[in-house]
Amino acid sequence: MATIRTNGMAMHYLREGSGDPVLLAHGYLFGADWWRPQIDALADRFDVIAPDLRGQMSSETTADQAGFDLWNQAEDLHGLITSLGVAPVHFVGLSMGGMIGLRLILRHPEDIRSLVLMDTSAHPEDPEKVERYEGMLSVVEAGQIEAIVSGLPPIFLADDFVRVRRAVAADSNGLVRALRAVDGRDDVSPRLGEIHVPTLVIHGTEDVAVPMERAEQLAAGISGARLETVSGGHQSNVDCPEETSRLIRDFLVQVPATASTIGR
């Protein structure tokens, strides 16, 4: 993985392929390499960039909780895009990554050419879920990250992908701060009408972390957005990789070319 300094932190990222730039932003507890099926499906036609977000996997955990605010993490990605000189990018964000992407396009619309929003929401977190996630945080804060792995599939995945594929590996402080940023996020749903790029919303039919109505609200709130469902859980890109990869690729190749498109 390559490393870049952005917004006061060291960010690691994968970069493969050539063509129009596509930035993949992962969900909570995961990282760039969880996009492997999509990277492989896109790299023959696109310049695919997949970072580890702040405090997760290989990227730096900074000291203050304020740095993990989703608006600040949007600045992390703005810095990455600017440093690599790839604006505007096709932005694909899952769960937390999609929440960050919404804030990135609202603050830096020039950075984004199109949006794919997967298993995500523009609304604040459900208070009941915040209480449940606080229980997870107490385990993570104690440094027992692996202890929550057995509970991940029903929350984040529809199958036992985590158990059979790999354990979660990340800094516990980073995971705590990242989840608190997600739990404490503001409501950007009233601003969805400000988004004017081609948008695809993908949502797993078995997602229990983000209800289907949130995907419907995203698609209704963004002019011209289309909603597609897949038979997966909250991490639909790993629950049903072939289906989501096909939907993403088919959408991206249909996005009209722009004079500002930059390829490697």
C-alpha atoms as a PDB file:
ATOM      1  CA  MET A   1       0.000   0.000   0.000  1.00  0.00           C
ATOM      2  CA  ALA A   2       1.048   3.579  -0.642  1.00  0.00           C
ATOM      3  CA  THR A   3       0.919   6.292   2.047  1.00  0.00           C
ATOM      4  CA  ILE A   4       0.009   9.960   1.793  1.00  0.00           C
ATOM      5  CA  ARG A   5      -0.254  12.779   4.334  1.00  0.00           C
ATOM      6  CA  THR A   6      -3.702  14.339   4.272  1.00  0.00           C
ATOM      7  CA  ASN A   7      -5.483  16.629   6.719  1.00  0.00           C
ATOM      8  CA  GLY A   8      -2.934  15.979   9.455  1.00  0.00           C
ATOM      9  CA  MET A   9      -2.832  12.173   9.254  1.00  0.00           C
ATOM     10  CA  ALA A  10      -1.086   9.371   7.396  1.00  0.00           C
ATOM     11  CA  MET A  11      -3.500   7.560   5.083  1.00  0.00           C
ATOM     12  CA  HIS A  12      -2.715   4.253   3.426  1.00  0.00           C
ATOM     13  CA  TYR A  13      -4.365   3.383   0.142  1.00  0.00           C
ATOM     14  CA  LEU A  14      -4.425   0.865  -2.674  1.00  0.00           C
ATOM     15  CA  ARG A  15      -4.289   2.052  -6.269  1.00  0.00           C
ATOM     16  CA  GLU A  16      -4.721  -0.231  -9.260  1.00  0.00           C
ATOM     17  CA  GLY A  17      -5.726   0.083 -12.896  1.00  0.00           C
ATOM     18  CA  SER A  18      -5.937   3.037 -15.257  1.00  0.00           C
ATOM     19  CA  GLY A  19      -8.606   5.260 -16.722  1.00  0.00           C
ATOM     20  CA  ASP A  20     -11.213   7.446 -15.053  1.00  0.00           C
ATOM     21  CA  PRO A  21     -10.605   7.624 -11.278  1.00  0.00           C
ATOM     22  CA  VAL A  22     -12.867   5.709  -8.894  1.00  0.00           C
ATOM     23  CA  LEU A  23     -12.519   6.157  -5.124  1.00  0.00           C
ATOM     24  CA  LEU A  24     -13.847   3.357  -2.875  1.00  0.00           C
ATOM     25  CA  ALA A  25     -14.615   4.272   0.757  1.00  0.00           C
ATOM     26  CA  HIS A  26     -15.232   1.304   3.069  1.00  0.00           C
ATOM     27  CA  GLY A  27     -17.512   0.843   6.067  1.00  0.00           C
ATOM     28  CA  TYR A  28     -16.807   0.661   9.776  1.00  0.00           C
ATOM     29  CA  LEU A  29     -14.452  -2.127  10.952  1.00  0.00           C
ATOM     30  CA  PHE A  30     -13.149  -2.882   7.480  1.00  0.00           C
ATOM     31  CA  GLY A  31     -10.593  -1.443   5.063  1.00  0.00           C
ATOM     32  CA  ALA A  32      -9.364  -1.041   1.510  1.00  0.00           C
ATOM     33  CA  ASP A  33      -8.717  -4.722   0.881  1.00  0.00           C
ATOM     34  CA  TRP A  34     -12.386  -5.569   1.563  1.00  0.00           C
ATOM     35  CA  TRP A  35     -13.041  -3.979  -1.842  1.00  0.00           C
ATOM     36  CA  ARG A  36     -10.939  -6.616  -3.624  1.00  0.00           C
ATOM     37  CA  PRO A  37     -13.832  -8.063  -5.718  1.00  0.00           C
ATOM     38  CA  GLN A  38     -14.752  -4.578  -6.923  1.00  0.00           C
ATOM     39  CA  ILE A  39     -11.133  -3.557  -7.547  1.00  0.00           C
ATOM     40  CA  ASP A  40     -10.658  -6.644  -9.708  1.00  0.00           C
ATOM     41  CA  ALA A  41     -13.900  -5.928 -11.555  1.00  0.00           C
ATOM     42  CA  LEU A  42     -13.029  -2.289 -12.300  1.00  0.00           C
ATOM     43  CA  ALA A  43      -9.254  -2.025 -12.702  1.00  0.00           C
ATOM     44  CA  ASP A  44      -9.233  -2.957 -16.400  1.00  0.00           C
ATOM     45  CA  ARG A  45     -11.129   0.240 -17.191  1.00  0.00           C
ATOM     46  CA  PHE A  46     -10.715   2.549 -14.191  1.00  0.00           C
ATOM     47  CA  ASP A  47      -8.000   4.007 -11.970  1.00  0.00           C
ATOM     48  CA  VAL A  48      -9.235   2.501  -8.685  1.00  0.00           C
ATOM     49  CA  ILE A  49      -8.190   4.128  -5.390  1.00  0.00           C
ATOM     50  CA  ALA A  50      -9.183   2.486  -2.099  1.00  0.00           C
ATOM     51  CA  PRO A  51      -7.976   4.099   1.147  1.00  0.00           C
ATOM     52  CA  ASP A  52      -8.030   2.811   4.702  1.00  0.00           C
ATOM     53  CA  LEU A  53     -10.056   5.473   6.496  1.00  0.00           C
ATOM     54  CA  ARG A  54      -8.727   7.315   9.543  1.00  0.00           C
ATOM     55  CA  GLY A  55      -7.996   4.991  12.470  1.00  0.00           C
ATOM     56  CA  GLN A  56      -8.868   1.804  10.619  1.00  0.00           C
ATOM     57  CA  MET A  57      -6.581  -0.942   9.318  1.00  0.00           C
ATOM     58  CA  SER A  58      -3.269   0.658   8.277  1.00  0.00           C
ATOM     59  CA  SER A  59      -4.184   4.353   8.464  1.00  0.00           C
ATOM     60  CA  GLU A  60      -3.182   6.556  11.371  1.00  0.00           C
ATOM     61  CA  THR A  61      -5.233   6.928  14.526  1.00  0.00           C
ATOM     62  CA  THR A  62      -5.109  10.553  15.619  1.00  0.00           C
ATOM     63  CA  ALA A  63      -5.437  11.601  19.231  1.00  0.00           C
ATOM     64  CA  ASP A  64      -8.632  13.613  19.351  1.00  0.00           C
ATOM     65  CA  GLN A  65     -12.231  12.520  18.799  1.00  0.00           C
ATOM     66  CA  ALA A  66     -12.889  15.699  16.797  1.00  0.00           C
ATOM     67  CA  GLY A  67     -10.596  14.420  14.055  1.00  0.00           C
ATOM     68  CA  PHE A  68     -12.960  11.515  13.441  1.00  0.00           C
ATOM     69  CA  ASP A  69     -16.007  13.691  12.809  1.00  0.00           C
ATOM     70  CA  LEU A  70     -17.478  12.641   9.440  1.00  0.00           C
ATOM     71  CA  TRP A  71     -17.033  16.146   8.032  1.00  0.00           C
ATOM     72  CA  ASN A  72     -13.359  16.034   8.981  1.00  0.00           C
ATOM     73  CA  GLN A  73     -12.987  12.612   7.415  1.00  0.00           C
ATOM     74  CA  ALA A  74     -14.460  14.115   4.251  1.00  0.00           C
ATOM     75  CA  GLU A  75     -11.528  16.535   4.400  1.00  0.00           C
ATOM     76  CA  ASP A  76      -9.193  13.513   4.643  1.00  0.00           C
ATOM     77  CA  LEU A  77     -10.531  12.286   1.312  1.00  0.00           C
ATOM     78  CA  HIS A  78     -10.532  15.764  -0.216  1.00  0.00           C
ATOM     79  CA  GLY A  79      -6.830  15.931   0.622  1.00  0.00           C
ATOM     80  CA  LEU A  80      -6.220  12.522  -0.943  1.00  0.00           C
ATOM     81  CA  ILE A  81      -8.084  13.471  -4.125  1.00  0.00           C
ATOM     82  CA  THR A  82      -6.256  16.801  -4.336  1.00  0.00           C
ATOM     83  CA  SER A  83      -2.818  15.318  -3.688  1.00  0.00           C
ATOM     84  CA  LEU A  84      -3.294  12.639  -6.331  1.00  0.00           C
ATOM     85  CA  GLY A  85      -4.727  15.165  -8.795  1.00  0.00           C
ATOM     86  CA  VAL A  86      -7.683  12.972  -9.704  1.00  0.00           C
ATOM     87  CA  ALA A  87     -10.724  15.235  -9.273  1.00  0.00           C
ATOM     88  CA  PRO A  88     -13.479  14.676 -10.155  1.00  0.00           C
ATOM     89  CA  VAL A  89     -13.748  11.044  -9.075  1.00  0.00           C
ATOM     90  CA  HIS A  90     -16.488   8.490  -9.240  1.00  0.00           C
ATOM     91  CA  PHE A  91     -17.139   7.987  -5.526  1.00  0.00           C
ATOM     92  CA  VAL A  92     -18.314   4.628  -4.181  1.00  0.00           C
ATOM     93  CA  GLY A  93     -19.040   4.637  -0.450  1.00  0.00           C
ATOM     94  CA  LEU A  94     -20.413   1.889   1.757  1.00  0.00           C
ATOM     95  CA  SER A  95     -22.076   2.587   5.116  1.00  0.00           C
ATOM     96  CA  MET A  96     -19.704   4.973   6.948  1.00  0.00           C
ATOM     97  CA  GLY A  97     -17.886   5.543   3.657  1.00  0.00           C
ATOM     98  CA  GLY A  98     -21.139   6.648   2.049  1.00  0.00           C
ATOM     99  CA  MET A  99     -21.872   8.989   4.951  1.00  0.00           C
ATOM    100  CA  ILE A 100     -18.454  10.570   4.458  1.00  0.00           C
ATOM    101  CA  GLY A 101     -19.060  10.785   0.701  1.00  0.00           C
ATOM    102  CA  LEU A 102     -22.290  12.710   1.205  1.00  0.00           C
ATOM    103  CA  ARG A 103     -20.418  15.266   3.271  1.00  0.00           C
ATOM    104  CA  LEU A 104     -17.573  15.419   0.762  1.00  0.00           C
ATOM    105  CA  ILE A 105     -19.864  16.287  -2.138  1.00  0.00           C
ATOM    106  CA  LEU A 106     -21.770  18.853  -0.052  1.00  0.00           C
ATOM    107  CA  ARG A 107     -18.538  20.610   0.915  1.00  0.00           C
ATOM    108  CA  HIS A 108     -16.433  19.959  -2.210  1.00  0.00           C
ATOM    109  CA  PRO A 109     -18.803  19.253  -5.109  1.00  0.00           C
ATOM    110  CA  GLU A 110     -15.945  19.735  -7.554  1.00  0.00           C
ATOM    111  CA  ASP A 111     -14.331  16.551  -6.214  1.00  0.00           C
ATOM    112  CA  ILE A 112     -17.073  14.161  -7.316  1.00  0.00           C
ATOM    113  CA  ARG A 113     -18.283  13.178 -10.772  1.00  0.00           C
ATOM    114  CA  SER A 114     -20.774  10.496  -9.709  1.00  0.00           C
ATOM    115  CA  LEU A 115     -21.935   8.738  -6.556  1.00  0.00           C
ATOM    116  CA  VAL A 116     -22.601   5.125  -5.618  1.00  0.00           C
ATOM    117  CA  LEU A 117     -24.083   4.989  -2.110  1.00  0.00           C
ATOM    118  CA  MET A 118     -24.245   1.511  -0.585  1.00  0.00           C
ATOM    119  CA  ASP A 119     -26.032   0.473   2.622  1.00  0.00           C
ATOM    120  CA  THR A 120     -25.832   4.004   3.987  1.00  0.00           C
ATOM    121  CA  SER A 121     -27.943   6.877   5.270  1.00  0.00           C
ATOM    122  CA  ALA A 122     -28.186  10.663   5.264  1.00  0.00           C
ATOM    123  CA  HIS A 123     -30.040  10.601   8.605  1.00  0.00           C
ATOM    124  CA  PRO A 124     -28.713  10.521  12.191  1.00  0.00           C
ATOM    125  CA  GLU A 125     -28.266   7.166  13.909  1.00  0.00           C
ATOM    126  CA  ASP A 126     -31.245   5.508  15.571  1.00  0.00           C
ATOM    127  CA  PRO A 127     -30.886   6.146  19.345  1.00  0.00           C
ATOM    128  CA  GLU A 128     -31.660   2.498  20.102  1.00  0.00           C
ATOM    129  CA  LYS A 129     -28.794   1.388  17.887  1.00  0.00           C
ATOM    130  CA  VAL A 130     -26.440   3.884  19.517  1.00  0.00           C
ATOM    131  CA  GLU A 131     -27.118   2.175  22.838  1.00  0.00           C
ATOM    132  CA  ARG A 132     -26.435  -1.243  21.308  1.00  0.00           C
ATOM    133  CA  TYR A 133     -23.208  -0.076  19.676  1.00  0.00           C
ATOM    134  CA  GLU A 134     -21.998   1.385  22.972  1.00  0.00           C
ATOM    135  CA  GLY A 135     -21.890  -2.195  24.228  1.00  0.00           C
ATOM    136  CA  MET A 136     -19.588  -3.079  21.337  1.00  0.00           C
ATOM    137  CA  LEU A 137     -17.420  -0.066  22.125  1.00  0.00           C
ATOM    138  CA  SER A 138     -16.842  -1.190  25.710  1.00  0.00           C
ATOM    139  CA  VAL A 139     -15.432  -4.471  24.384  1.00  0.00           C
ATOM    140  CA  VAL A 140     -13.258  -2.727  21.792  1.00  0.00           C
ATOM    141  CA  GLU A 141     -11.986  -0.187  24.344  1.00  0.00           C
ATOM    142  CA  ALA A 142     -10.829  -3.099  26.478  1.00  0.00           C
ATOM    143  CA  GLY A 143      -8.672  -4.207  23.550  1.00  0.00           C
ATOM    144  CA  GLN A 144     -10.760  -7.316  22.866  1.00  0.00           C
ATOM    145  CA  ILE A 145     -11.525  -6.644  19.211  1.00  0.00           C
ATOM    146  CA  GLU A 146     -11.658 -10.315  18.287  1.00  0.00           C
ATOM    147  CA  ALA A 147     -14.351 -10.886  20.909  1.00  0.00           C
ATOM    148  CA  ILE A 148     -16.888  -9.007  18.779  1.00  0.00           C
ATOM    149  CA  VAL A 149     -16.133 -10.908  15.567  1.00  0.00           C
ATOM    150  CA  SER A 150     -18.630 -13.651  16.337  1.00  0.00           C
ATOM    151  CA  GLY A 151     -21.353 -11.022  16.615  1.00  0.00           C
ATOM    152  CA  LEU A 152     -20.564  -9.308  13.340  1.00  0.00           C
ATOM    153  CA  PRO A 153     -22.442 -11.391  10.761  1.00  0.00           C
ATOM    154  CA  PRO A 154     -25.978 -10.673  12.026  1.00  0.00           C
ATOM    155  CA  ILE A 155     -25.140  -6.975  12.402  1.00  0.00           C
ATOM    156  CA  PHE A 156     -22.916  -6.268   9.419  1.00  0.00           C
ATOM    157  CA  LEU A 157     -23.159  -9.286   7.113  1.00  0.00           C
ATOM    158  CA  ALA A 158     -25.851 -11.739   6.077  1.00  0.00           C
ATOM    159  CA  ASP A 159     -23.491 -14.728   6.134  1.00  0.00           C
ATOM    160  CA  ASP A 160     -20.414 -15.865   8.054  1.00  0.00           C
ATOM    161  CA  PHE A 161     -17.927 -14.081   5.797  1.00  0.00           C
ATOM    162  CA  VAL A 162     -15.986 -12.550   8.678  1.00  0.00           C
ATOM    163  CA  ARG A 163     -15.506 -15.859  10.474  1.00  0.00           C
ATOM    164  CA  VAL A 164     -14.290 -17.795   7.471  1.00  0.00           C
ATOM    165  CA  ARG A 165     -12.337 -15.062   5.683  1.00  0.00           C
ATOM    166  CA  ARG A 166     -10.360 -13.081   8.248  1.00  0.00           C
ATOM    167  CA  ALA A 167     -10.341 -11.477  11.674  1.00  0.00           C
ATOM    168  CA  VAL A 168     -10.740  -7.750  12.086  1.00  0.00           C
ATOM    169  CA  ALA A 169      -7.377  -6.047  12.476  1.00  0.00           C
ATOM    170  CA  ALA A 170      -7.234  -2.421  13.509  1.00  0.00           C
ATOM    171  CA  ASP A 171      -6.254  -0.098  16.320  1.00  0.00           C
ATOM    172  CA  SER A 172      -8.856  -0.237  19.088  1.00  0.00           C
ATOM    173  CA  ASN A 173      -8.675   3.526  19.758  1.00  0.00           C
ATOM    174  CA  GLY A 174      -9.304   4.210  16.085  1.00  0.00           C
ATOM    175  CA  LEU A 175     -12.294   1.902  16.016  1.00  0.00           C
ATOM    176  CA  VAL A 176     -13.802   3.517  19.113  1.00  0.00           C
ATOM    177  CA  ARG A 177     -13.408   7.038  17.709  1.00  0.00           C
ATOM    178  CA  ALA A 178     -14.693   6.034  14.286  1.00  0.00           C
ATOM    179  CA  LEU A 179     -17.866   4.456  15.688  1.00  0.00           C
ATOM    180  CA  ARG A 180     -18.531   7.425  17.954  1.00  0.00           C
ATOM    181  CA  ALA A 181     -18.290   9.670  14.894  1.00  0.00           C
ATOM    182  CA  VAL A 182     -20.838   7.515  13.080  1.00  0.00           C
ATOM    183  CA  ASP A 183     -23.151   7.371  16.096  1.00  0.00           C
ATOM    184  CA  GLY A 184     -22.961  11.137  16.620  1.00  0.00           C
ATOM    185  CA  ARG A 185     -23.400  12.171  13.007  1.00  0.00           C
ATOM    186  CA  ASP A 186     -25.610  15.091  12.016  1.00  0.00           C
ATOM    187  CA  ASP A 187     -28.605  14.991   9.699  1.00  0.00           C
ATOM    188  CA  VAL A 188     -27.732  15.878   6.096  1.00  0.00           C
ATOM    189  CA  SER A 189     -30.987  14.592   4.601  1.00  0.00           C
ATOM    190  CA  PRO A 190     -32.429  18.128   4.165  1.00  0.00           C
ATOM    191  CA  ARG A 191     -29.468  18.895   1.862  1.00  0.00           C
ATOM    192  CA  LEU A 192     -29.821  15.977  -0.536  1.00  0.00           C
ATOM    193  CA  GLY A 193     -31.393  18.296  -3.089  1.00  0.00           C
ATOM    194  CA  GLU A 194     -28.024  20.061  -3.399  1.00  0.00           C
ATOM    195  CA  ILE A 195     -26.502  16.973  -5.021  1.00  0.00           C
ATOM    196  CA  HIS A 196     -26.550  17.095  -8.818  1.00  0.00           C
ATOM    197  CA  VAL A 197     -24.384  14.222 -10.053  1.00  0.00           C
ATOM    198  CA  PRO A 198     -25.453  10.819 -11.401  1.00  0.00           C
ATOM    199  CA  THR A 199     -26.203   8.668  -8.357  1.00  0.00           C
ATOM    200  CA  LEU A 200     -26.798   4.962  -7.794  1.00  0.00           C
ATOM    201  CA  VAL A 201     -28.086   3.732  -4.425  1.00  0.00           C
ATOM    202  CA  ILE A 202     -27.445   0.046  -3.627  1.00  0.00           C
ATOM    203  CA  HIS A 203     -28.940  -1.627  -0.572  1.00  0.00           C
ATOM    204  CA  GLY A 204     -28.879  -5.145   0.807  1.00  0.00           C
ATOM    205  CA  THR A 205     -32.307  -6.631   1.383  1.00  0.00           C
ATOM    206  CA  GLU A 206     -31.047  -8.263   4.603  1.00  0.00           C
ATOM    207  CA  ASP A 207     -29.338  -5.154   5.992  1.00  0.00           C
ATOM    208  CA  VAL A 208     -30.260  -4.780   9.672  1.00  0.00           C
ATOM    209  CA  ALA A 209     -27.868  -1.915  10.447  1.00  0.00           C
ATOM    210  CA  VAL A 210     -29.472   0.534   8.004  1.00  0.00           C
ATOM    211  CA  PRO A 211     -33.159  -0.021   7.151  1.00  0.00           C
ATOM    212  CA  MET A 212     -34.306  -0.068   3.536  1.00  0.00           C
ATOM    213  CA  GLU A 213     -36.318   3.117   4.054  1.00  0.00           C
ATOM    214  CA  ARG A 214     -33.055   5.056   4.392  1.00  0.00           C
ATOM    215  CA  ALA A 215     -32.004   3.904   0.922  1.00  0.00           C
ATOM    216  CA  GLU A 216     -35.411   4.860  -0.440  1.00  0.00           C
ATOM    217  CA  GLN A 217     -35.060   8.310   1.128  1.00  0.00           C
ATOM    218  CA  LEU A 218     -31.617   8.756  -0.441  1.00  0.00           C
ATOM    219  CA  ALA A 219     -32.882   7.808  -3.873  1.00  0.00           C
ATOM    220  CA  ALA A 220     -35.923  10.085  -3.499  1.00  0.00           C
ATOM    221  CA  GLY A 221     -33.904  13.024  -2.196  1.00  0.00           C
ATOM    222  CA  ILE A 222     -31.188  13.093  -4.881  1.00  0.00           C
ATOM    223  CA  SER A 223     -32.494  14.171  -8.272  1.00  0.00           C
ATOM    224  CA  GLY A 224     -32.287  11.370 -10.828  1.00  0.00           C
ATOM    225  CA  ALA A 225     -30.916   8.787  -8.365  1.00  0.00           C
ATOM    226  CA  ARG A 226     -31.715   5.114  -8.935  1.00  0.00           C
ATOM    227  CA  LEU A 227     -32.172   2.466  -6.239  1.00  0.00           C
ATOM    228  CA  GLU A 228     -31.053  -1.141  -6.752  1.00  0.00           C
ATOM    229  CA  THR A 229     -31.399  -3.887  -4.156  1.00  0.00           C
ATOM    230  CA  VAL A 230     -29.149  -6.913  -3.732  1.00  0.00           C
ATOM    231  CA  SER A 231     -29.643 -10.069  -1.700  1.00  0.00           C
ATOM    232  CA  GLY A 232     -27.069  -9.235   0.953  1.00  0.00           C
ATOM    233  CA  GLY A 233     -26.581  -7.749   4.375  1.00  0.00           C
ATOM    234  CA  HIS A 234     -25.029  -4.487   5.489  1.00  0.00           C
ATOM    235  CA  GLN A 235     -21.704  -5.146   3.717  1.00  0.00           C
ATOM    236  CA  SER A 236     -23.315  -6.015   0.409  1.00  0.00           C
ATOM    237  CA  ASN A 237     -20.046  -5.670  -1.497  1.00  0.00           C
ATOM    238  CA  VAL A 238     -18.723  -8.773   0.292  1.00  0.00           C
ATOM    239  CA  ASP A 239     -22.033 -10.576   0.777  1.00  0.00           C
ATOM    240  CA  CYS A 240     -22.777 -10.566  -2.953  1.00  0.00           C
ATOM    241  CA  PRO A 241     -19.598  -9.306  -4.663  1.00  0.00           C
ATOM    242  CA  GLU A 242     -20.452 -10.309  -8.228  1.00  0.00           C
ATOM    243  CA  GLU A 243     -23.845  -8.606  -8.167  1.00  0.00           C
ATOM    244  CA  THR A 244     -22.628  -5.372  -6.601  1.00  0.00           C
ATOM    245  CA  SER A 245     -19.531  -5.252  -8.828  1.00  0.00           C
ATOM    246  CA  ARG A 246     -21.725  -5.609 -11.912  1.00  0.00           C
ATOM    247  CA  LEU A 247     -24.105  -2.879 -10.752  1.00  0.00           C
ATOM    248  CA  ILE A 248     -21.231  -0.492 -10.001  1.00  0.00           C
ATOM    249  CA  ARG A 249     -19.426  -1.144 -13.279  1.00  0.00           C
ATOM    250  CA  ASP A 250     -22.572  -0.904 -15.410  1.00  0.00           C
ATOM    251  CA  PHE A 251     -23.452   2.395 -13.735  1.00  0.00           C
ATOM    252  CA  LEU A 252     -19.977   3.916 -14.054  1.00  0.00           C
ATOM    253  CA  VAL A 253     -19.549   3.150 -17.746  1.00  0.00           C
ATOM    254  CA  GLN A 254     -22.811   4.980 -18.448  1.00  0.00           C
ATOM    255  CA  VAL A 255     -21.843   8.190 -16.635  1.00  0.00           C
ATOM    256  CA  PRO A 256     -21.333  10.858 -19.320  1.00  0.00           C
ATOM    257  CA  ALA A 257     -17.741  11.867 -19.984  1.00  0.00           C
ATOM    258  CA  THR A 258     -16.630  15.308 -18.817  1.00  0.00           C
ATOM    259  CA  ALA A 259     -13.839  17.535 -20.052  1.00  0.00           C
ATOM    260  CA  SER A 260     -12.290  17.522 -16.561  1.00  0.00           C
ATOM    261  CA  THR A 261     -11.947  13.740 -16.360  1.00  0.00           C
ATOM    262  CA  ILE A 262      -8.410  12.742 -15.436  1.00  0.00           C
ATOM    263  CA  GLY A 263      -6.983   9.284 -16.125  1.00  0.00           C
ATOM    264  CA  ARG A 264      -3.673   7.707 -15.237  1.00  0.00           C
END
